[in-house]
Amino acid sequence: MQTTLDVQGMTCENCETKVKQALESLEGVTGVEVHINTGSVDVTYDNAQVTIGEMRKAVEEKGYRVVV
């Protein structure tokens, strides 16, 4: 499956890296593409292993806000 998260607060490459690593660390996430200029993050995942809520929590734990 694929979803796009709207992540607020990303301003630099370091932010991009933090968000990408947070999502890639989750079991079931197979791909992450961060678009810092739009604040969107495309995530490819197996919904049998990870939920959008878990992805949101992982990003928010790094200090960013996910808008649903």
N, C-alpha and C. Protein backbone atom coordinates (compact mmCIF):
# COMPACT_ATOMS: atom_id res chain seq x y z
N MET A 1 0.84 -1.18 0.00
CA MET A 1 0.00 0.00 0.00
C MET A 1 0.89 1.24 0.00
N GLN A 2 0.26 2.35 -0.36
CA GLN A 2 0.99 3.61 -0.32
C GLN A 2 0.10 4.69 0.26
N THR A 3 0.71 5.59 1.03
CA THR A 3 0.00 6.74 1.57
C THR A 3 0.91 7.94 1.52
N THR A 4 0.33 9.11 1.60
CA THR A 4 1.10 10.34 1.67
C THR A 4 0.76 11.03 2.98
N LEU A 5 1.79 11.29 3.77
CA LEU A 5 1.63 12.00 5.04
C LEU A 5 1.95 13.46 4.83
N ASP A 6 1.17 14.35 5.44
CA ASP A 6 1.42 15.78 5.41
C ASP A 6 2.15 16.12 6.71
N VAL A 7 3.46 16.40 6.59
CA VAL A 7 4.30 16.61 7.77
C VAL A 7 4.68 18.09 7.88
N GLN A 8 4.33 18.70 9.00
CA GLN A 8 4.66 20.10 9.22
C GLN A 8 5.89 20.23 10.09
N GLY A 9 6.71 21.24 9.78
CA GLY A 9 7.88 21.52 10.61
C GLY A 9 9.20 21.12 9.98
N MET A 10 9.16 20.50 8.80
CA MET A 10 10.42 20.13 8.13
C MET A 10 10.96 21.37 7.42
N THR A 11 12.22 21.73 7.74
CA THR A 11 12.78 22.94 7.14
C THR A 11 14.14 22.72 6.47
N CYS A 12 14.74 21.56 6.67
CA CYS A 12 16.09 21.36 6.14
C CYS A 12 16.35 19.88 5.85
N GLU A 13 17.54 19.60 5.33
CA GLU A 13 17.89 18.21 5.02
C GLU A 13 17.95 17.36 6.28
N ASN A 14 18.36 17.93 7.39
CA ASN A 14 18.41 17.19 8.65
C ASN A 14 17.00 16.73 9.05
N CYS A 15 16.02 17.62 8.85
CA CYS A 15 14.63 17.25 9.15
C CYS A 15 14.20 16.10 8.25
N GLU A 16 14.54 16.21 6.98
CA GLU A 16 14.20 15.17 6.01
C GLU A 16 14.77 13.83 6.44
N THR A 17 16.02 13.84 6.87
CA THR A 17 16.69 12.61 7.30
C THR A 17 16.02 12.02 8.53
N LYS A 18 15.67 12.86 9.51
CA LYS A 18 15.02 12.37 10.73
C LYS A 18 13.69 11.69 10.44
N VAL A 19 12.90 12.34 9.59
CA VAL A 19 11.59 11.78 9.25
C VAL A 19 11.75 10.47 8.50
N LYS A 20 12.66 10.45 7.53
CA LYS A 20 12.89 9.24 6.74
C LYS A 20 13.35 8.09 7.63
N GLN A 21 14.30 8.35 8.51
CA GLN A 21 14.81 7.29 9.40
C GLN A 21 13.74 6.80 10.36
N ALA A 22 12.91 7.71 10.86
CA ALA A 22 11.84 7.32 11.78
C ALA A 22 10.88 6.35 11.11
N LEU A 23 10.53 6.64 9.87
CA LEU A 23 9.60 5.77 9.16
C LEU A 23 10.25 4.47 8.72
N GLU A 24 11.49 4.54 8.23
CA GLU A 24 12.18 3.33 7.77
C GLU A 24 12.46 2.36 8.91
N SER A 25 12.47 2.85 10.14
CA SER A 25 12.74 1.97 11.28
C SER A 25 11.53 1.10 11.64
N LEU A 26 10.38 1.43 11.08
CA LEU A 26 9.17 0.66 11.38
C LEU A 26 9.09 -0.60 10.53
N GLU A 27 8.79 -1.70 11.18
CA GLU A 27 8.59 -2.96 10.47
C GLU A 27 7.40 -2.82 9.54
N GLY A 28 7.59 -3.19 8.29
CA GLY A 28 6.51 -3.12 7.33
C GLY A 28 6.61 -1.94 6.37
N VAL A 29 7.43 -0.94 6.71
CA VAL A 29 7.65 0.19 5.80
C VAL A 29 8.73 -0.22 4.81
N THR A 30 8.40 -0.15 3.52
CA THR A 30 9.34 -0.61 2.49
C THR A 30 9.89 0.51 1.64
N GLY A 31 9.33 1.70 1.75
CA GLY A 31 9.84 2.82 0.97
C GLY A 31 9.38 4.15 1.54
N VAL A 32 10.28 5.15 1.53
CA VAL A 32 9.95 6.48 2.03
C VAL A 32 10.57 7.50 1.08
N GLU A 33 9.74 8.43 0.63
CA GLU A 33 10.23 9.52 -0.20
C GLU A 33 9.72 10.83 0.40
N VAL A 34 10.66 11.66 0.86
CA VAL A 34 10.33 12.92 1.51
C VAL A 34 10.42 14.05 0.50
N HIS A 35 9.40 14.88 0.48
CA HIS A 35 9.36 16.06 -0.38
C HIS A 35 9.34 17.29 0.54
N ILE A 36 10.53 17.76 0.90
CA ILE A 36 10.63 18.82 1.91
C ILE A 36 9.98 20.11 1.43
N ASN A 37 10.00 20.37 0.12
CA ASN A 37 9.42 21.62 -0.39
C ASN A 37 7.91 21.68 -0.25
N THR A 38 7.24 20.52 -0.22
CA THR A 38 5.78 20.49 -0.08
C THR A 38 5.34 19.98 1.30
N GLY A 39 6.27 19.42 2.06
CA GLY A 39 5.93 18.88 3.37
C GLY A 39 5.24 17.53 3.29
N SER A 40 5.32 16.90 2.13
CA SER A 40 4.66 15.60 2.00
C SER A 40 5.68 14.47 2.03
N VAL A 41 5.22 13.34 2.54
CA VAL A 41 6.06 12.15 2.63
C VAL A 41 5.27 10.97 2.07
N ASP A 42 5.79 10.40 0.99
CA ASP A 42 5.16 9.22 0.39
C ASP A 42 5.74 7.98 1.06
N VAL A 43 4.85 7.14 1.57
CA VAL A 43 5.28 5.94 2.29
C VAL A 43 4.66 4.71 1.64
N THR A 44 5.51 3.74 1.32
CA THR A 44 5.05 2.45 0.82
C THR A 44 5.19 1.47 1.98
N TYR A 45 4.12 0.72 2.24
CA TYR A 45 4.12 -0.13 3.44
C TYR A 45 3.20 -1.33 3.29
N ASP A 46 3.39 -2.27 4.19
CA ASP A 46 2.53 -3.45 4.29
C ASP A 46 1.57 -3.20 5.44
N ASN A 47 0.29 -3.02 5.12
CA ASN A 47 -0.68 -2.67 6.17
C ASN A 47 -0.97 -3.82 7.12
N ALA A 48 -0.43 -5.00 6.85
CA ALA A 48 -0.55 -6.12 7.79
C ALA A 48 0.50 -5.99 8.90
N GLN A 49 1.52 -5.14 8.67
CA GLN A 49 2.60 -5.00 9.65
C GLN A 49 2.66 -3.65 10.34
N VAL A 50 2.14 -2.61 9.71
CA VAL A 50 2.25 -1.28 10.30
C VAL A 50 1.00 -0.46 9.93
N THR A 51 0.60 0.41 10.84
CA THR A 51 -0.58 1.25 10.60
C THR A 51 -0.14 2.70 10.36
N ILE A 52 -1.05 3.46 9.78
CA ILE A 52 -0.78 4.88 9.58
C ILE A 52 -0.60 5.56 10.94
N GLY A 53 -1.34 5.12 11.93
CA GLY A 53 -1.20 5.68 13.28
C GLY A 53 0.21 5.46 13.84
N GLU A 54 0.77 4.30 13.59
CA GLU A 54 2.14 4.03 14.05
C GLU A 54 3.15 4.91 13.30
N MET A 55 2.90 5.13 12.02
CA MET A 55 3.78 6.01 11.24
C MET A 55 3.70 7.43 11.78
N ARG A 56 2.49 7.88 12.03
CA ARG A 56 2.28 9.22 12.57
C ARG A 56 3.01 9.39 13.91
N LYS A 57 2.87 8.41 14.77
CA LYS A 57 3.52 8.47 16.09
C LYS A 57 5.04 8.54 15.95
N ALA A 58 5.60 7.75 15.04
CA ALA A 58 7.05 7.73 14.85
C ALA A 58 7.56 9.09 14.39
N VAL A 59 6.83 9.74 13.49
CA VAL A 59 7.23 11.07 13.00
C VAL A 59 7.05 12.12 14.09
N GLU A 60 5.94 12.06 14.81
CA GLU A 60 5.68 13.04 15.86
C GLU A 60 6.66 12.91 17.02
N GLU A 61 7.16 11.72 17.27
CA GLU A 61 8.17 11.53 18.32
C GLU A 61 9.49 12.22 17.96
N LYS A 62 9.69 12.53 16.68
CA LYS A 62 10.89 13.25 16.23
C LYS A 62 10.68 14.76 16.26
N GLY A 63 9.47 15.20 16.68
CA GLY A 63 9.22 16.62 16.85
C GLY A 63 8.47 17.29 15.71
N TYR A 64 7.88 16.51 14.82
CA TYR A 64 7.14 17.07 13.69
C TYR A 64 5.66 16.78 13.85
N ARG A 65 4.83 17.53 13.16
CA ARG A 65 3.40 17.35 13.25
C ARG A 65 2.87 16.72 11.97
N VAL A 66 2.07 15.67 12.12
CA VAL A 66 1.46 15.02 10.97
C VAL A 66 0.00 15.46 10.94
N VAL A 67 -0.41 16.06 9.82
CA VAL A 67 -1.78 16.53 9.65
C VAL A 67 -2.54 15.50 8.86
N VAL A 68 -3.68 15.10 9.37
CA VAL A 68 -4.50 14.08 8.71
C VAL A 68 -5.64 14.74 7.96
